Amino acid sequence: MLNDPVNFVDPLGLDISLQWHAVQGKNLHTLIRITPENQAKYINDPRFHNKDALGNNYLTIGAGPIPIINGRLVSNINRDSDILLHPKDSTFELNNGCQNEDQLISDLLLYNANYMDNLDYDLFPANSQNAKWYLPDDGYNSNSYISGLLSKAGIKKPKVTDTPGWDKPVPLKYFNPRKSF
């Protein structure tokens, strides 16, 4: 899918990865999976309760719709649909090029916690130039959320295909400390 081993190699050895799985036809849902290299630091953190095949603890960050909350885009750690292990061909490592792993994990978790679950959800959000007045496409989706979160953390985002909403990231201001917008 990415086929770019030069640009998408993790030179720091961090195990923070972008993963995806199909949700509707060939359309994909993206999420972040964090398996800390420093397992001892996170062993008592209840968010890192999932275990991989090697016995390492990990967590996932994802988002999706919650119809009960009027069709809002809601983020969550360890969503049931996100915690499953994904095949290697649907994964690549992330880093921001300068932070150590613990700082990057801290930033991702903080920005995720700052998000107020208050944006309109649309399965196929459109960029403003492609929006149609007669379609409910003015919101964001799970791919928009992960795309925005990665940008906020300073992580170079890859070009991925079949991910509607990836090119319409949640605006960075929504990952700032909680306040009304």
N, C-alpha and C. Protein backbone atom coordinates (compact mmCIF):
# COMPACT_ATOMS: atom_id res chain seq x y z
N MET A 1 0.81 -1.19 0.00
CA MET A 1 0.00 0.00 0.00
C MET A 1 0.86 1.27 0.00
N LEU A 2 1.83 1.35 0.90
CA LEU A 2 2.69 2.52 0.92
C LEU A 2 3.90 2.32 0.03
N ASN A 3 4.47 1.12 0.00
CA ASN A 3 5.58 0.77 -0.88
C ASN A 3 6.64 1.85 -0.97
N ASP A 4 7.07 2.39 0.16
CA ASP A 4 8.10 3.40 0.18
C ASP A 4 9.01 3.16 1.38
N PRO A 5 9.88 2.14 1.31
CA PRO A 5 10.71 1.81 2.46
C PRO A 5 11.71 2.89 2.83
N VAL A 6 11.99 3.82 1.94
CA VAL A 6 12.93 4.89 2.27
C VAL A 6 12.28 5.92 3.18
N ASN A 7 11.07 6.33 2.85
CA ASN A 7 10.41 7.38 3.62
C ASN A 7 9.63 6.88 4.82
N PHE A 8 9.29 5.60 4.89
CA PHE A 8 8.46 5.12 5.97
C PHE A 8 9.15 4.08 6.83
N VAL A 9 10.45 4.28 7.07
CA VAL A 9 11.20 3.44 7.99
C VAL A 9 11.33 4.21 9.29
N ASP A 10 11.25 3.51 10.41
CA ASP A 10 11.35 4.15 11.71
C ASP A 10 12.80 4.09 12.19
N PRO A 11 13.58 5.17 11.99
CA PRO A 11 14.99 5.12 12.35
C PRO A 11 15.23 5.09 13.85
N LEU A 12 14.26 5.48 14.66
CA LEU A 12 14.44 5.48 16.11
C LEU A 12 14.03 4.17 16.76
N GLY A 13 13.40 3.29 16.02
CA GLY A 13 13.00 2.01 16.58
C GLY A 13 11.78 2.09 17.48
N LEU A 14 11.03 3.15 17.40
CA LEU A 14 9.84 3.28 18.23
C LEU A 14 8.75 2.36 17.70
N ASP A 15 7.94 1.84 18.59
CA ASP A 15 6.87 0.97 18.14
C ASP A 15 5.53 1.68 18.30
N ILE A 16 5.41 2.76 17.59
CA ILE A 16 4.16 3.50 17.50
C ILE A 16 3.78 3.42 16.02
N SER A 17 2.66 2.78 15.75
CA SER A 17 2.35 2.50 14.35
C SER A 17 0.96 2.96 13.97
N LEU A 18 0.81 3.23 12.68
CA LEU A 18 -0.48 3.49 12.09
C LEU A 18 -0.95 2.17 11.53
N GLN A 19 -2.19 1.81 11.81
CA GLN A 19 -2.76 0.57 11.31
C GLN A 19 -4.10 0.87 10.67
N TRP A 20 -4.57 -0.05 9.85
CA TRP A 20 -5.87 0.14 9.22
C TRP A 20 -6.53 -1.20 8.97
N HIS A 21 -7.86 -1.11 8.85
CA HIS A 21 -8.64 -2.28 8.47
C HIS A 21 -9.86 -1.81 7.68
N ALA A 22 -10.38 -2.71 6.86
CA ALA A 22 -11.52 -2.37 6.01
C ALA A 22 -12.77 -2.18 6.86
N VAL A 23 -13.59 -1.20 6.48
CA VAL A 23 -14.86 -0.97 7.17
C VAL A 23 -16.05 -1.00 6.23
N GLN A 24 -15.85 -0.62 5.00
CA GLN A 24 -16.94 -0.66 4.02
C GLN A 24 -16.31 -0.81 2.64
N GLY A 25 -16.45 -1.99 2.08
CA GLY A 25 -15.83 -2.25 0.79
C GLY A 25 -14.32 -2.13 0.92
N LYS A 26 -13.71 -1.33 0.05
CA LYS A 26 -12.26 -1.14 0.13
C LYS A 26 -11.88 0.07 0.97
N ASN A 27 -12.85 0.74 1.57
CA ASN A 27 -12.57 1.90 2.40
C ASN A 27 -12.00 1.45 3.75
N LEU A 28 -11.00 2.19 4.21
CA LEU A 28 -10.25 1.80 5.40
C LEU A 28 -10.49 2.72 6.58
N HIS A 29 -10.33 2.16 7.77
CA HIS A 29 -10.38 2.87 9.05
C HIS A 29 -8.96 2.85 9.61
N THR A 30 -8.42 4.02 9.98
CA THR A 30 -7.07 4.07 10.55
C THR A 30 -7.12 4.25 12.05
N LEU A 31 -6.07 3.77 12.70
CA LEU A 31 -5.92 3.89 14.15
C LEU A 31 -4.44 3.93 14.47
N ILE A 32 -4.12 4.33 15.68
CA ILE A 32 -2.74 4.33 16.15
C ILE A 32 -2.60 3.22 17.18
N ARG A 33 -1.53 2.45 17.05
CA ARG A 33 -1.22 1.40 18.03
C ARG A 33 0.12 1.75 18.67
N ILE A 34 0.14 1.76 20.01
CA ILE A 34 1.35 2.10 20.74
C ILE A 34 1.78 0.90 21.58
N THR A 35 2.93 0.34 21.25
CA THR A 35 3.56 -0.72 22.04
C THR A 35 4.86 -0.13 22.57
N PRO A 36 4.87 0.34 23.81
CA PRO A 36 6.08 1.02 24.31
C PRO A 36 7.29 0.10 24.33
N GLU A 37 8.40 0.66 23.91
CA GLU A 37 9.66 -0.07 24.02
C GLU A 37 10.00 -0.24 25.50
N ASN A 38 9.71 0.79 26.29
CA ASN A 38 9.95 0.78 27.73
C ASN A 38 8.71 0.18 28.43
N GLN A 39 8.53 -1.12 28.30
CA GLN A 39 7.36 -1.80 28.85
C GLN A 39 7.23 -1.59 30.37
N ALA A 40 8.34 -1.54 31.08
CA ALA A 40 8.30 -1.40 32.54
C ALA A 40 7.63 -0.10 32.96
N LYS A 41 7.81 0.96 32.20
CA LYS A 41 7.21 2.25 32.56
C LYS A 41 5.68 2.20 32.51
N TYR A 42 5.13 1.39 31.63
CA TYR A 42 3.69 1.39 31.39
C TYR A 42 2.98 0.15 31.95
N ILE A 43 3.70 -0.72 32.62
CA ILE A 43 3.13 -2.00 33.06
C ILE A 43 1.93 -1.81 33.99
N ASN A 44 1.91 -0.75 34.78
CA ASN A 44 0.79 -0.51 35.70
C ASN A 44 -0.20 0.52 35.18
N ASP A 45 -0.03 0.97 33.96
CA ASP A 45 -0.96 1.92 33.35
C ASP A 45 -2.12 1.11 32.77
N PRO A 46 -3.33 1.27 33.31
CA PRO A 46 -4.45 0.44 32.86
C PRO A 46 -4.82 0.61 31.39
N ARG A 47 -4.38 1.68 30.76
CA ARG A 47 -4.67 1.87 29.34
C ARG A 47 -3.89 0.90 28.47
N PHE A 48 -2.77 0.40 28.97
CA PHE A 48 -1.91 -0.52 28.23
C PHE A 48 -2.18 -1.96 28.65
N HIS A 49 -3.43 -2.37 28.62
CA HIS A 49 -3.79 -3.71 29.10
C HIS A 49 -3.84 -4.78 28.00
N ASN A 50 -3.78 -4.39 26.74
CA ASN A 50 -3.78 -5.37 25.64
C ASN A 50 -2.40 -6.00 25.54
N LYS A 51 -2.34 -7.26 25.11
CA LYS A 51 -1.07 -7.95 24.95
C LYS A 51 -0.93 -8.49 23.53
N ASP A 52 0.27 -8.31 22.96
CA ASP A 52 0.52 -8.86 21.63
C ASP A 52 1.06 -10.29 21.76
N ALA A 53 1.41 -10.88 20.64
CA ALA A 53 1.86 -12.28 20.62
C ALA A 53 3.15 -12.49 21.42
N LEU A 54 3.93 -11.44 21.61
CA LEU A 54 5.17 -11.55 22.38
C LEU A 54 4.96 -11.24 23.86
N GLY A 55 3.71 -10.93 24.23
CA GLY A 55 3.42 -10.59 25.62
C GLY A 55 3.64 -9.13 25.96
N ASN A 56 3.88 -8.29 24.96
CA ASN A 56 4.07 -6.86 25.19
C ASN A 56 2.72 -6.17 25.33
N ASN A 57 2.65 -5.24 26.25
CA ASN A 57 1.43 -4.45 26.44
C ASN A 57 1.35 -3.36 25.38
N TYR A 58 0.12 -3.06 24.95
CA TYR A 58 -0.09 -1.99 23.98
C TYR A 58 -1.45 -1.37 24.19
N LEU A 59 -1.64 -0.22 23.58
CA LEU A 59 -2.97 0.41 23.54
C LEU A 59 -3.20 0.91 22.12
N THR A 60 -4.46 1.21 21.83
CA THR A 60 -4.80 1.79 20.53
C THR A 60 -5.56 3.09 20.77
N ILE A 61 -5.42 3.99 19.82
CA ILE A 61 -6.19 5.24 19.80
C ILE A 61 -6.97 5.25 18.50
N GLY A 62 -8.26 5.42 18.60
CA GLY A 62 -9.11 5.46 17.42
C GLY A 62 -10.31 6.35 17.66
N ALA A 63 -11.13 6.49 16.66
CA ALA A 63 -12.33 7.32 16.77
C ALA A 63 -13.40 6.75 15.86
N GLY A 64 -14.61 7.14 16.12
CA GLY A 64 -15.72 6.71 15.30
C GLY A 64 -17.01 7.37 15.75
N PRO A 65 -18.11 7.01 15.14
CA PRO A 65 -19.38 7.65 15.47
C PRO A 65 -20.04 7.02 16.69
N ILE A 66 -20.71 7.83 17.41
CA ILE A 66 -21.58 7.36 18.49
C ILE A 66 -22.95 7.98 18.23
N PRO A 67 -23.86 7.22 17.62
CA PRO A 67 -25.17 7.80 17.26
C PRO A 67 -25.93 8.37 18.45
N ILE A 68 -25.73 7.78 19.62
CA ILE A 68 -26.45 8.27 20.80
C ILE A 68 -26.09 9.71 21.09
N ILE A 69 -24.90 10.12 20.68
CA ILE A 69 -24.46 11.49 20.92
C ILE A 69 -24.68 12.30 19.64
N ASN A 70 -25.82 12.16 19.03
CA ASN A 70 -26.21 12.94 17.85
C ASN A 70 -25.21 12.89 16.71
N GLY A 71 -24.68 11.71 16.39
CA GLY A 71 -23.79 11.57 15.25
C GLY A 71 -22.48 12.29 15.41
N ARG A 72 -21.92 12.29 16.59
CA ARG A 72 -20.65 12.97 16.85
C ARG A 72 -19.48 12.02 16.67
N LEU A 73 -18.33 12.59 16.29
CA LEU A 73 -17.08 11.86 16.17
C LEU A 73 -16.48 11.76 17.56
N VAL A 74 -16.36 10.55 18.08
CA VAL A 74 -15.90 10.31 19.44
C VAL A 74 -14.61 9.51 19.40
N SER A 75 -13.61 9.98 20.16
CA SER A 75 -12.34 9.24 20.24
C SER A 75 -12.36 8.32 21.45
N ASN A 76 -11.54 7.29 21.37
CA ASN A 76 -11.46 6.35 22.48
C ASN A 76 -10.15 5.60 22.43
N ILE A 77 -9.71 5.21 23.60
CA ILE A 77 -8.57 4.32 23.71
C ILE A 77 -9.11 2.90 23.77
N ASN A 78 -8.49 2.00 23.03
CA ASN A 78 -8.84 0.57 23.04
C ASN A 78 -10.29 0.28 22.66
N ARG A 79 -10.74 0.91 21.58
CA ARG A 79 -12.07 0.58 21.06
C ARG A 79 -12.07 -0.89 20.66
N ASP A 80 -13.17 -1.58 20.88
CA ASP A 80 -13.25 -3.01 20.58
C ASP A 80 -12.79 -3.33 19.16
N SER A 81 -13.19 -2.52 18.19
CA SER A 81 -12.84 -2.80 16.79
C SER A 81 -11.39 -2.46 16.47
N ASP A 82 -10.70 -1.76 17.36
CA ASP A 82 -9.32 -1.35 17.11
C ASP A 82 -8.27 -2.22 17.79
N ILE A 83 -8.63 -2.95 18.84
CA ILE A 83 -7.61 -3.65 19.61
C ILE A 83 -7.11 -4.94 18.98
N LEU A 84 -7.81 -5.44 17.98
CA LEU A 84 -7.35 -6.65 17.31
C LEU A 84 -6.00 -6.40 16.66
N LEU A 85 -5.16 -7.40 16.68
CA LEU A 85 -3.86 -7.27 16.02
C LEU A 85 -4.06 -7.22 14.52
N HIS A 86 -3.32 -6.37 13.86
CA HIS A 86 -3.43 -6.19 12.42
C HIS A 86 -2.23 -6.80 11.73
N PRO A 87 -2.42 -7.33 10.53
CA PRO A 87 -1.29 -7.92 9.80
C PRO A 87 -0.25 -6.86 9.46
N LYS A 88 0.98 -7.31 9.29
CA LYS A 88 2.09 -6.39 9.00
C LYS A 88 1.85 -5.56 7.74
N ASP A 89 1.12 -6.08 6.76
CA ASP A 89 0.92 -5.31 5.54
C ASP A 89 -0.10 -4.19 5.73
N SER A 90 -0.67 -4.07 6.92
CA SER A 90 -1.58 -2.97 7.20
C SER A 90 -1.04 -2.12 8.35
N THR A 91 0.29 -2.06 8.44
CA THR A 91 0.94 -1.35 9.54
C THR A 91 2.20 -0.65 9.04
N PHE A 92 2.49 0.52 9.57
CA PHE A 92 3.82 1.08 9.41
C PHE A 92 4.14 1.93 10.62
N GLU A 93 5.43 2.03 10.91
CA GLU A 93 5.90 2.71 12.10
C GLU A 93 5.86 4.23 11.92
N LEU A 94 5.59 4.93 13.04
CA LEU A 94 5.51 6.39 13.04
C LEU A 94 6.56 6.96 13.99
N ASN A 95 7.03 8.14 13.70
CA ASN A 95 7.81 8.92 14.65
C ASN A 95 7.79 10.36 14.18
N ASN A 96 8.14 11.26 15.08
CA ASN A 96 8.15 12.67 14.69
C ASN A 96 9.56 13.17 14.43
N GLY A 97 10.52 12.26 14.40
CA GLY A 97 11.87 12.61 14.01
C GLY A 97 12.75 13.17 15.11
N CYS A 98 12.19 13.54 16.28
CA CYS A 98 13.08 14.12 17.29
C CYS A 98 12.73 13.73 18.72
N GLN A 99 11.48 13.54 19.05
CA GLN A 99 11.13 13.23 20.43
C GLN A 99 11.49 11.81 20.80
N ASN A 100 11.74 11.61 22.10
CA ASN A 100 11.90 10.24 22.54
C ASN A 100 10.53 9.59 22.63
N GLU A 101 10.52 8.29 22.73
CA GLU A 101 9.27 7.54 22.69
C GLU A 101 8.31 7.95 23.81
N ASP A 102 8.81 8.07 25.03
CA ASP A 102 7.93 8.40 26.16
C ASP A 102 7.27 9.76 25.96
N GLN A 103 8.02 10.73 25.44
CA GLN A 103 7.43 12.05 25.20
C GLN A 103 6.38 11.99 24.10
N LEU A 104 6.65 11.23 23.06
CA LEU A 104 5.69 11.11 21.97
C LEU A 104 4.41 10.41 22.45
N ILE A 105 4.56 9.37 23.25
CA ILE A 105 3.39 8.69 23.83
C ILE A 105 2.60 9.67 24.69
N SER A 106 3.30 10.40 25.53
CA SER A 106 2.65 11.38 26.40
C SER A 106 1.88 12.42 25.59
N ASP A 107 2.50 12.93 24.53
CA ASP A 107 1.84 13.93 23.68
C ASP A 107 0.59 13.36 23.01
N LEU A 108 0.70 12.17 22.43
CA LEU A 108 -0.45 11.57 21.76
C LEU A 108 -1.61 11.35 22.73
N LEU A 109 -1.31 10.87 23.92
CA LEU A 109 -2.37 10.63 24.91
C LEU A 109 -2.97 11.94 25.40
N LEU A 110 -2.14 12.96 25.59
CA LEU A 110 -2.65 14.26 26.02
C LEU A 110 -3.55 14.88 24.96
N TYR A 111 -3.10 14.91 23.71
CA TYR A 111 -3.90 15.50 22.64
C TYR A 111 -5.20 14.73 22.46
N ASN A 112 -5.15 13.41 22.58
CA ASN A 112 -6.36 12.60 22.49
C ASN A 112 -7.32 12.95 23.64
N ALA A 113 -6.79 13.12 24.84
CA ALA A 113 -7.63 13.46 26.00
C ALA A 113 -8.23 14.86 25.86
N ASN A 114 -7.51 15.76 25.19
CA ASN A 114 -8.02 17.13 25.02
C ASN A 114 -9.22 17.20 24.08
N TYR A 115 -9.32 16.27 23.15
CA TYR A 115 -10.41 16.30 22.17
C TYR A 115 -11.74 16.13 22.90
N MET A 116 -12.70 16.99 22.58
CA MET A 116 -13.96 17.04 23.32
C MET A 116 -15.10 16.22 22.72
N ASP A 117 -14.84 15.37 21.74
CA ASP A 117 -15.88 14.53 21.13
C ASP A 117 -17.06 15.37 20.65
N ASN A 118 -16.76 16.51 20.04
CA ASN A 118 -17.81 17.46 19.70
C ASN A 118 -17.95 17.80 18.22
N LEU A 119 -17.30 17.06 17.36
CA LEU A 119 -17.42 17.35 15.93
C LEU A 119 -18.44 16.45 15.27
N ASP A 120 -19.03 16.95 14.21
CA ASP A 120 -20.01 16.19 13.43
C ASP A 120 -19.31 15.03 12.73
N TYR A 121 -19.92 13.86 12.77
CA TYR A 121 -19.37 12.68 12.10
C TYR A 121 -20.06 12.47 10.76
N ASP A 122 -19.26 12.20 9.75
CA ASP A 122 -19.76 11.77 8.45
C ASP A 122 -18.89 10.62 7.97
N LEU A 123 -19.51 9.57 7.47
CA LEU A 123 -18.77 8.40 7.00
C LEU A 123 -17.80 8.79 5.88
N PHE A 124 -18.24 9.63 4.96
CA PHE A 124 -17.41 10.08 3.86
C PHE A 124 -17.35 11.61 3.84
N PRO A 125 -16.54 12.22 4.70
CA PRO A 125 -16.47 13.69 4.72
C PRO A 125 -15.80 14.21 3.45
N ALA A 126 -16.25 15.36 3.02
CA ALA A 126 -15.69 15.98 1.82
C ALA A 126 -14.88 17.20 2.22
N ASN A 127 -13.84 17.49 1.42
CA ASN A 127 -13.14 18.75 1.58
C ASN A 127 -14.09 19.86 1.17
N SER A 128 -13.87 21.07 1.65
CA SER A 128 -14.80 22.16 1.37
C SER A 128 -15.03 22.37 -0.12
N GLN A 129 -14.01 22.19 -0.95
CA GLN A 129 -14.19 22.39 -2.38
C GLN A 129 -15.02 21.29 -3.03
N ASN A 130 -15.16 20.14 -2.36
CA ASN A 130 -15.94 19.03 -2.91
C ASN A 130 -17.27 18.84 -2.20
N ALA A 131 -17.54 19.61 -1.16
CA ALA A 131 -18.77 19.44 -0.38
C ALA A 131 -20.00 19.76 -1.23
N LYS A 132 -21.05 19.04 -0.98
CA LYS A 132 -22.32 19.26 -1.68
C LYS A 132 -23.35 19.72 -0.65
N TRP A 133 -24.08 20.75 -0.96
CA TRP A 133 -25.04 21.28 0.00
C TRP A 133 -26.13 20.27 0.33
N TYR A 134 -26.39 19.35 -0.56
CA TYR A 134 -27.48 18.41 -0.36
C TYR A 134 -27.03 17.07 0.25
N LEU A 135 -25.74 16.94 0.58
CA LEU A 135 -25.24 15.73 1.22
C LEU A 135 -24.69 16.04 2.60
N PRO A 136 -24.85 15.13 3.55
CA PRO A 136 -24.28 15.36 4.89
C PRO A 136 -22.80 15.02 4.91
N ASP A 137 -21.99 15.89 4.30
CA ASP A 137 -20.57 15.59 4.18
C ASP A 137 -19.68 16.69 4.76
N ASP A 138 -20.23 17.46 5.68
CA ASP A 138 -19.48 18.58 6.23
C ASP A 138 -18.71 18.23 7.50
N GLY A 139 -18.76 16.99 7.94
CA GLY A 139 -18.11 16.59 9.18
C GLY A 139 -16.77 15.90 8.95
N TYR A 140 -16.41 15.11 9.94
CA TYR A 140 -15.13 14.39 9.95
C TYR A 140 -15.38 12.93 10.27
N ASN A 141 -14.38 12.09 10.06
CA ASN A 141 -14.52 10.67 10.40
C ASN A 141 -13.27 10.19 11.14
N SER A 142 -13.18 8.88 11.35
CA SER A 142 -12.06 8.32 12.10
C SER A 142 -10.72 8.63 11.44
N ASN A 143 -10.68 8.61 10.12
CA ASN A 143 -9.43 8.93 9.42
C ASN A 143 -9.07 10.40 9.58
N SER A 144 -10.06 11.27 9.57
CA SER A 144 -9.83 12.69 9.82
C SER A 144 -9.23 12.89 11.21
N TYR A 145 -9.76 12.13 12.17
CA TYR A 145 -9.30 12.25 13.55
C TYR A 145 -7.83 11.85 13.66
N ILE A 146 -7.48 10.68 13.16
CA ILE A 146 -6.10 10.20 13.26
C ILE A 146 -5.16 11.11 12.48
N SER A 147 -5.58 11.57 11.31
CA SER A 147 -4.77 12.49 10.51
C SER A 147 -4.48 13.78 11.28
N GLY A 148 -5.50 14.34 11.92
CA GLY A 148 -5.32 15.55 12.72
C GLY A 148 -4.45 15.32 13.95
N LEU A 149 -4.66 14.19 14.63
CA LEU A 149 -3.88 13.87 15.82
C LEU A 149 -2.39 13.71 15.48
N LEU A 150 -2.09 13.04 14.39
CA LEU A 150 -0.70 12.89 13.96
C LEU A 150 -0.08 14.24 13.64
N SER A 151 -0.83 15.11 12.97
CA SER A 151 -0.32 16.45 12.67
C SER A 151 -0.04 17.23 13.94
N LYS A 152 -0.95 17.16 14.90
CA LYS A 152 -0.76 17.86 16.17
C LYS A 152 0.50 17.39 16.88
N ALA A 153 0.80 16.09 16.79
CA ALA A 153 1.99 15.53 17.44
C ALA A 153 3.27 15.75 16.63
N GLY A 154 3.16 16.39 15.47
CA GLY A 154 4.33 16.66 14.65
C GLY A 154 4.84 15.46 13.89
N ILE A 155 3.98 14.49 13.66
CA ILE A 155 4.38 13.28 12.95
C ILE A 155 4.10 13.45 11.46
N LYS A 156 5.10 13.16 10.66
CA LYS A 156 4.93 13.24 9.21
C LYS A 156 3.94 12.17 8.78
N LYS A 157 2.86 12.62 8.17
CA LYS A 157 1.83 11.68 7.75
C LYS A 157 2.14 11.10 6.38
N PRO A 158 1.96 9.82 6.26
CA PRO A 158 2.16 9.20 4.95
C PRO A 158 0.96 9.45 4.05
N LYS A 159 1.17 9.25 2.79
CA LYS A 159 0.05 9.23 1.85
C LYS A 159 -0.52 7.83 1.88
N VAL A 160 -1.77 7.71 2.21
CA VAL A 160 -2.42 6.40 2.20
C VAL A 160 -3.63 6.48 1.28
N THR A 161 -3.99 5.34 0.73
CA THR A 161 -5.11 5.31 -0.21
C THR A 161 -6.31 4.65 0.45
N ASP A 162 -7.47 4.86 -0.13
CA ASP A 162 -8.72 4.24 0.33
C ASP A 162 -9.07 4.62 1.76
N THR A 163 -8.69 5.83 2.17
CA THR A 163 -9.01 6.31 3.51
C THR A 163 -9.77 7.63 3.40
N PRO A 164 -11.08 7.56 3.16
CA PRO A 164 -11.85 8.80 3.06
C PRO A 164 -11.70 9.61 4.34
N GLY A 165 -11.51 10.91 4.20
CA GLY A 165 -11.35 11.79 5.33
C GLY A 165 -9.89 12.06 5.71
N TRP A 166 -8.96 11.25 5.23
CA TRP A 166 -7.54 11.42 5.58
C TRP A 166 -7.04 12.81 5.18
N ASP A 167 -7.51 13.29 4.03
CA ASP A 167 -7.08 14.60 3.55
C ASP A 167 -7.93 15.74 4.10
N LYS A 168 -8.79 15.43 5.06
CA LYS A 168 -9.57 16.45 5.76
C LYS A 168 -9.37 16.24 7.26
N PRO A 169 -8.16 16.56 7.76
CA PRO A 169 -7.87 16.29 9.17
C PRO A 169 -8.68 17.17 10.12
N VAL A 170 -8.97 16.61 11.29
CA VAL A 170 -9.57 17.42 12.34
C VAL A 170 -8.61 18.58 12.60
N PRO A 171 -9.10 19.82 12.65
CA PRO A 171 -8.23 20.97 12.88
C PRO A 171 -7.46 20.85 14.20
N LEU A 172 -6.22 21.32 14.19
CA LEU A 172 -5.33 21.18 15.34
C LEU A 172 -5.90 21.79 16.61
N LYS A 173 -6.68 22.86 16.50
CA LYS A 173 -7.21 23.52 17.70
C LYS A 173 -8.08 22.58 18.54
N TYR A 174 -8.65 21.55 17.94
CA TYR A 174 -9.50 20.64 18.70
C TYR A 174 -8.70 19.68 19.59
N PHE A 175 -7.37 19.71 19.47
CA PHE A 175 -6.52 18.88 20.33
C PHE A 175 -5.84 19.72 21.41
N ASN A 176 -6.19 21.00 21.48
CA ASN A 176 -5.66 21.87 22.53
C ASN A 176 -6.42 21.62 23.82
N PRO A 177 -5.94 22.17 24.95
CA PRO A 177 -6.67 21.99 26.21
C PRO A 177 -8.14 22.37 26.05
N ARG A 178 -8.98 21.66 26.76
CA ARG A 178 -10.43 21.78 26.64
C ARG A 178 -10.92 23.20 26.91
N LYS A 179 -11.68 23.68 25.96
CA LYS A 179 -12.41 24.94 26.07
C LYS A 179 -13.43 24.95 24.95
N SER A 180 -14.36 25.84 25.00
CA SER A 180 -15.39 25.91 23.96
C SER A 180 -14.82 26.62 22.74
N PHE A 181 -15.25 26.15 21.57
CA PHE A 181 -14.82 26.77 20.31
C PHE A 181 -15.99 27.46 19.69
